[in-house]
C-alpha atoms as a PDB file:
ATOM      1  CA  MET A   1     141.224 193.675  87.532  1.00  0.00           C
ATOM      2  CA  GLU A   2     139.737 191.453  84.798  1.00  0.00           C
ATOM      3  CA  LYS A   3     141.782 188.534  86.075  1.00  0.00           C
ATOM      4  CA  ASN A   4     140.319 188.866  89.534  1.00  0.00           C
ATOM      5  CA  VAL A   5     136.791 188.947  88.111  1.00  0.00           C
ATOM      6  CA  LEU A   6     137.369 185.734  86.204  1.00  0.00           C
ATOM      7  CA  ILE A   7     138.734 184.027  89.305  1.00  0.00           C
ATOM      8  CA  PHE A   8     135.652 185.139  91.249  1.00  0.00           C
ATOM      9  CA  ILE A   9     133.280 183.834  88.560  1.00  0.00           C
ATOM     10  CA  PHE A  10     134.968 180.397  88.423  1.00  0.00           C
ATOM     11  CA  SER A  11     134.919 180.194  92.201  1.00  0.00           C
ATOM     12  CA  MET A  12     131.187 180.852  92.302  1.00  0.00           C
ATOM     13  CA  LEU A  13     130.556 178.254  89.625  1.00  0.00           C
ATOM     14  CA  PHE A  14     132.508 175.665  91.637  1.00  0.00           C
ATOM     15  CA  VAL A  15     130.573 176.481  94.816  1.00  0.00           C
ATOM     16  CA  CYS A  16     127.250 176.169  92.984  1.00  0.00           C
ATOM     17  CA  THR A  17     128.272 172.845  91.501  1.00  0.00           C
ATOM     18  CA  GLN A  18     129.189 171.497  94.935  1.00  0.00           C
ATOM     19  CA  ALA A  19     125.890 172.731  96.341  1.00  0.00           C
ATOM     20  CA  GLN A  20     123.976 171.057  93.540  1.00  0.00           C
ATOM     21  CA  GLN A  21     125.771 167.773  94.218  1.00  0.00           C
ATOM     22  CA  GLN A  22     125.063 167.986  97.955  1.00  0.00           C
ATOM     23  CA  LEU A  23     121.385 168.732  97.298  1.00  0.00           C
ATOM     24  CA  GLY A  24     121.174 165.880  94.774  1.00  0.00           C
ATOM     25  CA  MET A  25     120.300 168.216  92.000  1.00  0.00           C
ATOM     26  CA  ASP A  26     122.786 166.464  89.703  1.00  0.00           C
ATOM     27  CA  LYS A  27     121.050 163.085  90.066  1.00  0.00           C
ATOM     28  CA  LYS A  28     119.081 161.775  87.198  1.00  0.00           C
ATOM     29  CA  PRO A  29     115.359 161.112  87.645  1.00  0.00           C
ATOM     30  CA  GLY A  30     114.818 157.486  88.775  1.00  0.00           C
ATOM     31  CA  ASP A  31     118.184 157.076  90.555  1.00  0.00           C
ATOM     32  CA  CYS A  32     116.415 156.695  93.904  1.00  0.00           C
ATOM     33  CA  TYR A  33     114.215 153.955  92.496  1.00  0.00           C
ATOM     34  CA  SER A  34     117.166 152.220  90.847  1.00  0.00           C
ATOM     35  CA  THR A  35     119.177 152.184  94.061  1.00  0.00           C
ATOM     36  CA  TYR A  36     116.398 150.597  96.098  1.00  0.00           C
ATOM     37  CA  ARG A  37     115.435 148.260  93.274  1.00  0.00           C
ATOM     38  CA  ASN A  38     118.974 146.993  92.728  1.00  0.00           C
ATOM     39  CA  LYS A  39     119.450 146.384  96.447  1.00  0.00           C
ATOM     40  CA  GLY A  40     116.095 144.611  96.538  1.00  0.00           C
ATOM     41  CA  ILE A  41     116.968 142.359  93.618  1.00  0.00           C
ATOM     42  CA  ALA A  42     120.336 141.495  95.169  1.00  0.00           C
ATOM     43  CA  ALA A  43     118.633 140.538  98.451  1.00  0.00           C
ATOM     44  CA  TYR A  44     115.977 138.546  96.551  1.00  0.00           C
ATOM     45  CA  ASN A  45     118.610 136.586  94.627  1.00  0.00           C
ATOM     46  CA  ALA A  46     120.370 135.856  97.920  1.00  0.00           C
ATOM     47  CA  GLY A  47     117.141 134.376  99.297  1.00  0.00           C
ATOM     48  CA  ASN A  48     116.583 137.168 101.832  1.00  0.00           C
ATOM     49  CA  TYR A  49     113.017 137.901 100.765  1.00  0.00           C
ATOM     50  CA  ALA A  50     112.016 139.931 103.830  1.00  0.00           C
ATOM     51  CA  LYS A  51     114.983 142.292 103.353  1.00  0.00           C
ATOM     52  CA  ALA A  52     114.288 142.495  99.623  1.00  0.00           C
ATOM     53  CA  LYS A  53     110.704 143.491 100.361  1.00  0.00           C
ATOM     54  CA  GLU A  54     111.997 146.257 102.652  1.00  0.00           C
ATOM     55  CA  TYR A  55     114.149 147.655  99.849  1.00  0.00           C
ATOM     56  CA  PHE A  56     111.339 147.546  97.320  1.00  0.00           C
ATOM     57  CA  ALA A  57     108.941 149.158  99.791  1.00  0.00           C
ATOM     58  CA  GLY A  58     111.619 151.806 100.403  1.00  0.00           C
ATOM     59  CA  ALA A  59     111.437 152.733  96.751  1.00  0.00           C
ATOM     60  CA  LEU A  60     107.737 153.435  97.151  1.00  0.00           C
ATOM     61  CA  ASN A  61     108.004 155.191 100.496  1.00  0.00           C
ATOM     62  CA  ASN A  62     111.220 157.195 100.124  1.00  0.00           C
ATOM     63  CA  CYS A  63     111.437 158.071  96.449  1.00  0.00           C
ATOM     64  CA  VAL A  64     109.533 160.817  94.626  1.00  0.00           C
ATOM     65  CA  SER A  65     106.774 159.071  92.712  1.00  0.00           C
ATOM     66  CA  SER A  66     107.066 161.489  89.816  1.00  0.00           C
ATOM     67  CA  GLU A  67     110.636 160.267  89.283  1.00  0.00           C
ATOM     68  CA  ALA A  68     109.604 156.633  88.918  1.00  0.00           C
ATOM     69  CA  PRO A  69     110.633 155.161  85.533  1.00  0.00           C
ATOM     70  CA  ALA A  70     107.971 154.377  82.994  1.00  0.00           C
ATOM     71  CA  ASN A  71     108.632 150.663  83.329  1.00  0.00           C
ATOM     72  CA  ASN A  72     108.456 150.714  87.141  1.00  0.00           C
ATOM     73  CA  ASP A  73     108.078 147.099  88.376  1.00  0.00           C
ATOM     74  CA  ILE A  74     108.456 147.635  92.128  1.00  0.00           C
ATOM     75  CA  ASP A  75     104.935 146.357  92.862  1.00  0.00           C
ATOM     76  CA  ARG A  76     105.635 143.160  90.923  1.00  0.00           C
ATOM     77  CA  TRP A  77     108.825 142.586  92.909  1.00  0.00           C
ATOM     78  CA  ILE A  78     107.029 143.155  96.202  1.00  0.00           C
ATOM     79  CA  LYS A  79     104.412 140.572  95.181  1.00  0.00           C
ATOM     80  CA  LYS A  80     107.167 138.075  94.303  1.00  0.00           C
ATOM     81  CA  CYS A  81     108.782 138.654  97.701  1.00  0.00           C
ATOM     82  CA  GLU A  82     105.472 138.089  99.489  1.00  0.00           C
ATOM     83  CA  GLU A  83     104.912 134.835  97.572  1.00  0.00           C
ATOM     84  CA  GLU A  84     108.396 133.610  98.462  1.00  0.00           C
ATOM     85  CA  ILE A  85     107.920 134.568 102.123  1.00  0.00           C
ATOM     86  CA  ILE A  86     104.620 132.650 102.245  1.00  0.00           C
ATOM     87  CA  GLU A  87     106.267 129.632 100.593  1.00  0.00           C
ATOM     88  CA  ALA A  88     109.245 129.789 102.978  1.00  0.00           C
ATOM     89  CA  GLU A  89     106.866 129.915 105.942  1.00  0.00           C
ATOM     90  CA  ARG A  90     104.962 126.931 104.555  1.00  0.00           C
ATOM     91  CA  LEU A  91     108.160 124.936 104.088  1.00  0.00           C
ATOM     92  CA  ALA A  92     109.356 125.876 107.566  1.00  0.00           C
ATOM     93  CA  ARG A  93     106.020 124.765 109.027  1.00  0.00           C
ATOM     94  CA  GLU A  94     106.200 121.462 107.140  1.00  0.00           C
ATOM     95  CA  GLN A  95     109.758 120.953 108.338  1.00  0.00           C
ATOM     96  CA  ARG A  96     108.723 121.543 111.950  1.00  0.00           C
ATOM     97  CA  GLU A  97     105.840 119.096 111.574  1.00  0.00           C
ATOM     98  CA  GLN A  98     108.125 116.583 109.878  1.00  0.00           C
ATOM     99  CA  GLU A  99     110.705 116.964 112.627  1.00  0.00           C
ATOM    100  CA  SER A 100     108.019 116.444 115.262  1.00  0.00           C
ATOM    101  CA  GLU A 101     106.758 113.316 113.491  1.00  0.00           C
ATOM    102  CA  TYR A 102     110.330 112.062 113.116  1.00  0.00           C
ATOM    103  CA  ASN A 103     110.960 112.467 116.856  1.00  0.00           C
ATOM    104  CA  ARG A 104     107.677 110.709 117.640  1.00  0.00           C
ATOM    105  CA  SER A 105     108.602 107.735 115.433  1.00  0.00           C
ATOM    106  CA  ILE A 106     112.101 107.526 116.928  1.00  0.00           C
ATOM    107  CA  ASN A 107     110.737 107.567 120.485  1.00  0.00           C
ATOM    108  CA  GLN A 108     108.051 105.010 119.656  1.00  0.00           C
ATOM    109  CA  ALA A 109     110.592 102.783 117.913  1.00  0.00           C
ATOM    110  CA  GLN A 110     112.894 102.877 120.931  1.00  0.00           C
ATOM    111  CA  ALA A 111     109.987 102.027 123.248  1.00  0.00           C
ATOM    112  CA  TYR A 112     109.113  99.018 121.078  1.00  0.00           C
ATOM    113  CA  TYR A 113     112.767  97.975 120.987  1.00  0.00           C
ATOM    114  CA  ASN A 114     113.072  98.195 124.769  1.00  0.00           C
ATOM    115  CA  ASN A 115     110.038  95.914 125.040  1.00  0.00           C
ATOM    116  CA  LYS A 116     111.683  93.454 122.625  1.00  0.00           C
ATOM    117  CA  ASN A 117     109.003  94.126 119.985  1.00  0.00           C
ATOM    118  CA  TYR A 118     111.583  94.341 117.232  1.00  0.00           C
ATOM    119  CA  THR A 119     109.203  94.042 114.270  1.00  0.00           C
ATOM    120  CA  SER A 120     107.152  97.060 115.409  1.00  0.00           C
ATOM    121  CA  ALA A 121     110.373  98.918 116.246  1.00  0.00           C
ATOM    122  CA  LYS A 122     111.663  98.340 112.717  1.00  0.00           C
ATOM    123  CA  SER A 123     108.374  99.605 111.274  1.00  0.00           C
ATOM    124  CA  GLU A 124     108.644 102.859 113.255  1.00  0.00           C
ATOM    125  CA  TYR A 125     112.300 103.318 112.316  1.00  0.00           C
ATOM    126  CA  ASN A 126     111.324 102.924 108.658  1.00  0.00           C
ATOM    127  CA  LYS A 127     108.690 105.633 109.147  1.00  0.00           C
ATOM    128  CA  ALA A 128     111.368 107.887 110.631  1.00  0.00           C
ATOM    129  CA  LEU A 129     113.696 107.118 107.703  1.00  0.00           C
ATOM    130  CA  ARG A 130     111.046 108.247 105.223  1.00  0.00           C
ATOM    131  CA  LEU A 131     110.698 111.542 107.114  1.00  0.00           C
ATOM    132  CA  ILE A 132     114.374 112.429 106.691  1.00  0.00           C
ATOM    133  CA  PRO A 133     115.010 114.852 103.774  1.00  0.00           C
ATOM    134  CA  ALA A 134     116.535 113.341 100.658  1.00  0.00           C
ATOM    135  CA  THR A 135     119.536 115.669 100.940  1.00  0.00           C
ATOM    136  CA  GLY A 136     121.473 116.524 104.067  1.00  0.00           C
ATOM    137  CA  ALA A 137     120.795 115.091 107.537  1.00  0.00           C
ATOM    138  CA  SER A 138     123.210 112.228 106.830  1.00  0.00           C
ATOM    139  CA  ASP A 139     123.814 111.755 110.567  1.00  0.00           C
ATOM    140  CA  LYS A 140     120.113 111.058 111.117  1.00  0.00           C
ATOM    141  CA  ARG A 141     119.976 108.724 108.145  1.00  0.00           C
ATOM    142  CA  ASP A 142     123.033 106.812 109.335  1.00  0.00           C
ATOM    143  CA  TYR A 143     121.599 106.497 112.853  1.00  0.00           C
ATOM    144  CA  VAL A 144     118.197 105.230 111.705  1.00  0.00           C
ATOM    145  CA  THR A 145     119.791 102.829 109.209  1.00  0.00           C
ATOM    146  CA  ARG A 146     121.927 101.342 111.991  1.00  0.00           C
ATOM    147  CA  ARG A 147     118.864 100.948 114.206  1.00  0.00           C
ATOM    148  CA  ILE A 148     116.989  99.159 111.421  1.00  0.00           C
ATOM    149  CA  SER A 149     119.944  96.799 110.974  1.00  0.00           C
ATOM    150  CA  GLU A 150     119.942  96.139 114.720  1.00  0.00           C
ATOM    151  CA  CYS A 151     116.217  95.346 114.594  1.00  0.00           C
ATOM    152  CA  ASP A 152     116.864  92.942 111.698  1.00  0.00           C
ATOM    153  CA  ARG A 153     119.581  91.259 113.755  1.00  0.00           C
ATOM    154  CA  GLN A 154     117.273  90.862 116.733  1.00  0.00           C
ATOM    155  CA  ILE A 155     114.404  89.621 114.538  1.00  0.00           C
ATOM    156  CA  GLN A 156     116.693  87.013 112.990  1.00  0.00           C
ATOM    157  CA  ALA A 157     117.961  85.982 116.430  1.00  0.00           C
ATOM    158  CA  GLU A 158     114.356  85.567 117.607  1.00  0.00           C
ATOM    159  CA  GLU A 159     113.569  83.504 114.528  1.00  0.00           C
ATOM    160  CA  ASP A 160     116.631  81.321 115.130  1.00  0.00           C
ATOM    161  CA  ARG A 161     115.557  80.781 118.742  1.00  0.00           C
ATOM    162  CA  ARG A 162     112.005  79.994 117.629  1.00  0.00           C
ATOM    163  CA  ILE A 163     113.227  77.448 115.092  1.00  0.00           C
ATOM    164  CA  ALA A 164     115.574  75.891 117.644  1.00  0.00           C
ATOM    165  CA  ALA A 165     112.754  75.691 120.204  1.00  0.00           C
ATOM    166  CA  GLU A 166     110.393  74.200 117.609  1.00  0.00           C
ATOM    167  CA  ASN A 167     112.995  71.625 116.601  1.00  0.00           C
ATOM    168  CA  GLU A 168     113.575  70.745 120.243  1.00  0.00           C
ATOM    169  CA  ARG A 169     109.827  70.434 120.804  1.00  0.00           C
ATOM    170  CA  LYS A 170     109.501  68.127 117.801  1.00  0.00           C
ATOM    171  CA  ARG A 171     112.500  66.096 118.954  1.00  0.00           C
ATOM    172  CA  LYS A 172     110.985  65.626 122.410  1.00  0.00           C
ATOM    173  CA  GLU A 173     107.628  64.808 120.874  1.00  0.00           C
ATOM    174  CA  GLU A 174     109.180  62.207 118.591  1.00  0.00           C
ATOM    175  CA  THR A 175     111.157  60.788 121.507  1.00  0.00           C
ATOM    176  CA  GLU A 176     108.017  60.560 123.622  1.00  0.00           C
ATOM    177  CA  LYS A 177     106.140  58.937 120.756  1.00  0.00           C
ATOM    178  CA  GLU A 178     108.949  56.456 120.206  1.00  0.00           C
ATOM    179  CA  ASN A 179     109.143  55.666 123.928  1.00  0.00           C
ATOM    180  CA  ALA A 180     105.378  55.193 124.085  1.00  0.00           C
ATOM    181  CA  LYS A 181     105.546  53.023 120.975  1.00  0.00           C
ATOM    182  CA  GLN A 182     108.270  50.827 122.445  1.00  0.00           C
ATOM    183  CA  GLN A 183     106.320  50.552 125.699  1.00  0.00           C
ATOM    184  CA  ARG A 184     103.274  49.361 123.765  1.00  0.00           C
ATOM    185  CA  PHE A 185     105.339  46.892 121.753  1.00  0.00           C
ATOM    186  CA  ALA A 186     106.758  45.564 125.016  1.00  0.00           C
ATOM    187  CA  ASN A 187     103.291  44.265 125.937  1.00  0.00           C
ATOM    188  CA  TYR A 188     103.378  41.642 123.173  1.00  0.00           C
ATOM    189  CA  HIS A 189     105.271  38.669 121.857  1.00  0.00           C
ATOM    190  CA  ARG A 190     106.125  39.493 118.272  1.00  0.00           C
ATOM    191  CA  PHE A 191     106.635  36.963 115.460  1.00  0.00           C
ATOM    192  CA  GLU A 192     107.156  39.112 112.343  1.00  0.00           C
ATOM    193  CA  LYS A 193     103.743  38.153 110.993  1.00  0.00           C
ATOM    194  CA  TYR A 194     102.190  41.025 109.043  1.00  0.00           C
ATOM    195  CA  ALA A 195      98.967  41.884 107.263  1.00  0.00           C
ATOM    196  CA  GLY A 196      99.420  45.125 105.348  1.00  0.00           C
ATOM    197  CA  ASN A 197      99.904  47.857 107.938  1.00  0.00           C
ATOM    198  CA  TYR A 198      99.213  45.472 110.811  1.00  0.00           C
ATOM    199  CA  GLU A 199     101.213  42.937 112.774  1.00  0.00           C
ATOM    200  CA  ILE A 200      99.970  39.701 114.381  1.00  0.00           C
ATOM    201  CA  VAL A 201     101.097  39.533 118.024  1.00  0.00           C
ATOM    202  CA  GLN A 202     100.361  37.662 121.241  1.00  0.00           C
ATOM    203  CA  ARG A 203      99.620  39.536 124.419  1.00  0.00           C
ATOM    204  CA  LYS A 204     102.094  38.771 127.173  1.00  0.00           C
ATOM    205  CA  SER A 205      99.251  39.158 129.635  1.00  0.00           C
ATOM    206  CA  GLY A 206      96.582  36.521 128.967  1.00  0.00           C
ATOM    207  CA  GLY A 207      98.216  35.060 125.866  1.00  0.00           C
ATOM    208  CA  ARG A 208      95.488  36.106 123.421  1.00  0.00           C
ATOM    209  CA  TRP A 209      96.312  36.815 119.779  1.00  0.00           C
ATOM    210  CA  GLY A 210      95.311  39.772 117.619  1.00  0.00           C
ATOM    211  CA  PHE A 211      96.527  42.702 115.575  1.00  0.00           C
ATOM    212  CA  ILE A 212      98.444  45.900 116.375  1.00  0.00           C
ATOM    213  CA  ARG A 213      99.435  48.724 114.028  1.00  0.00           C
ATOM    214  CA  ARG A 214     102.951  48.343 112.750  1.00  0.00           C
ATOM    215  CA  SER A 215     103.566  52.097 112.844  1.00  0.00           C
ATOM    216  CA  ASP A 216     103.005  52.757 116.532  1.00  0.00           C
ATOM    217  CA  GLY A 217     101.913  49.541 118.278  1.00  0.00           C
ATOM    218  CA  THR A 218      98.317  50.684 118.784  1.00  0.00           C
ATOM    219  CA  GLU A 219      96.147  47.665 119.520  1.00  0.00           C
ATOM    220  CA  GLU A 220      93.148  46.700 117.424  1.00  0.00           C
ATOM    221  CA  ALA A 221      91.352  45.552 120.585  1.00  0.00           C
ATOM    222  CA  SER A 222      88.376  43.943 118.862  1.00  0.00           C
ATOM    223  CA  THR A 223      90.687  41.368 117.228  1.00  0.00           C
ATOM    224  CA  PHE A 224      92.187  39.918 120.410  1.00  0.00           C
ATOM    225  CA  ASN A 225      89.798  36.951 120.613  1.00  0.00           C
ATOM    226  CA  TYR A 226      92.088  34.228 119.314  1.00  0.00           C
ATOM    227  CA  LYS A 227      94.289  31.540 120.798  1.00  0.00           C
ATOM    228  CA  GLY A 228      96.808  31.240 117.964  1.00  0.00           C
ATOM    229  CA  ALA A 229      97.970  32.205 114.497  1.00  0.00           C
ATOM    230  CA  ASN A 230      98.753  30.307 111.323  1.00  0.00           C
ATOM    231  CA  THR A 231     102.207  28.777 111.161  1.00  0.00           C
ATOM    232  CA  ILE A 232     102.025  27.759 107.522  1.00  0.00           C
ATOM    233  CA  ALA A 233     102.676  30.258 104.751  1.00  0.00           C
ATOM    234  CA  LEU A 234      99.557  31.670 103.159  1.00  0.00           C
ATOM    235  CA  LYS A 235      99.030  33.515  99.918  1.00  0.00           C
ATOM    236  CA  SER A 236     100.264  37.061  99.856  1.00  0.00           C
ATOM    237  CA  GLY A 237      97.942  39.384 101.730  1.00  0.00           C
ATOM    238  CA  TYR A 238      96.284  36.717 103.875  1.00  0.00           C
ATOM    239  CA  VAL A 239      96.739  35.770 107.537  1.00  0.00           C
ATOM    240  CA  ALA A 240      94.704  33.501 109.781  1.00  0.00           C
ATOM    241  CA  LEU A 241      93.941  33.432 113.490  1.00  0.00           C
ATOM    242  CA  LYS A 242      92.735  30.348 115.352  1.00  0.00           C
ATOM    243  CA  ARG A 243      89.468  30.481 117.237  1.00  0.00           C
ATOM    244  CA  ASP A 244      88.920  28.732 120.563  1.00  0.00           C
ATOM    245  CA  ASP A 245      87.031  25.940 118.781  1.00  0.00           C
ATOM    246  CA  GLY A 246      90.023  25.228 116.564  1.00  0.00           C
ATOM    247  CA  SER A 247      88.583  26.795 113.399  1.00  0.00           C
ATOM    248  CA  TRP A 248      90.165  29.688 111.552  1.00  0.00           C
ATOM    249  CA  ASP A 249      89.275  33.215 110.624  1.00  0.00           C
ATOM    250  CA  VAL A 250      91.121  34.418 107.524  1.00  0.00           C
ATOM    251  CA  PHE A 251      91.924  38.128 107.166  1.00  0.00           C
ATOM    252  CA  ASN A 252      93.119  40.191 104.237  1.00  0.00           C
ATOM    253  CA  ALA A 253      95.593  43.073 104.444  1.00  0.00           C
ATOM    254  CA  SER A 254      92.806  45.498 105.433  1.00  0.00           C
ATOM    255  CA  LEU A 255      91.804  43.291 108.422  1.00  0.00           C
ATOM    256  CA  ARG A 256      88.576  42.327 106.725  1.00  0.00           C
ATOM    257  CA  ILE A 257      87.530  38.744 107.446  1.00  0.00           C
ATOM    258  CA  VAL A 258      87.348  36.984 104.092  1.00  0.00           C
ATOM    259  CA  ALA A 259      86.574  33.562 105.581  1.00  0.00           C
ATOM    260  CA  SER A 260      85.159  32.781 109.012  1.00  0.00           C
ATOM    261  CA  SER A 261      85.267  29.584 111.070  1.00  0.00           C
ATOM    262  CA  VAL A 262      86.914  27.489 108.342  1.00  0.00           C
ATOM    263  CA  ASN A 263      88.410  24.188 109.409  1.00  0.00           C
ATOM    264  CA  THR A 264      91.227  24.149 106.879  1.00  0.00           C
ATOM    265  CA  LEU A 265      93.518  26.753 105.317  1.00  0.00           C
ATOM    266  CA  ASP A 266      94.299  24.704 102.207  1.00  0.00           C
ATOM    267  CA  GLU A 267      92.494  27.196  99.948  1.00  0.00           C
ATOM    268  CA  TYR A 268      94.775  29.982 101.118  1.00  0.00           C
ATOM    269  CA  LYS A 269      98.092  28.162 101.100  1.00  0.00           C
ATOM    270  CA  LYS A 270     100.777  29.341  98.717  1.00  0.00           C
END
């Protein structure tokens, strides 16, 4: 009889214990808060701030406030989550704006390139390159870098063509000048008589004597009033042209007349 009573008592104690466990009566005060808090912290550390905020809010909404620990910091964690969410939204907005600006620069650069405006294209590609994040996006960086190199190649090719065209223009100009010079020289009999930068010549047409520039054959027209030139050697820097009356005009190397209508050149002989 006593044995059966003991068995009954132990059985009732077991049933009560199970009931207490099912009703949560064995939980310590603050367990509800700890569960939500720990889950919230784990989500926060994983960067899932919205989920973390849900867990922390759950502690406030689902747990008995009287069981909250004395050092309850749920509100502080919720504030941290909200700050991180705001910052994440700001960064996402900046990234979208940056992506939009990147696409604009790429499209503008390609338009410039298609129009053979390679300098402006390079400038836009450089803008796009600066908009690419410092880490990641290596495919974008590689693409833009290649496009910049292509612009440099085209710019150099344009410069080479410009230089070649300029050299050809100068060559033609020099050829034309030389041809014109030779054509002018062809109008005179030349005797290798010189006065500084000038040469004494005789016009083939009319036979008059005067001076032309040694550099290009340009005629000093005002000097072609003479019928001859000195045949004797004069002092360095002097030349003489014979007037129609047989007298002489003596010139220095600057074509300034130093003696006019002289009958003899003895004073100027070597």
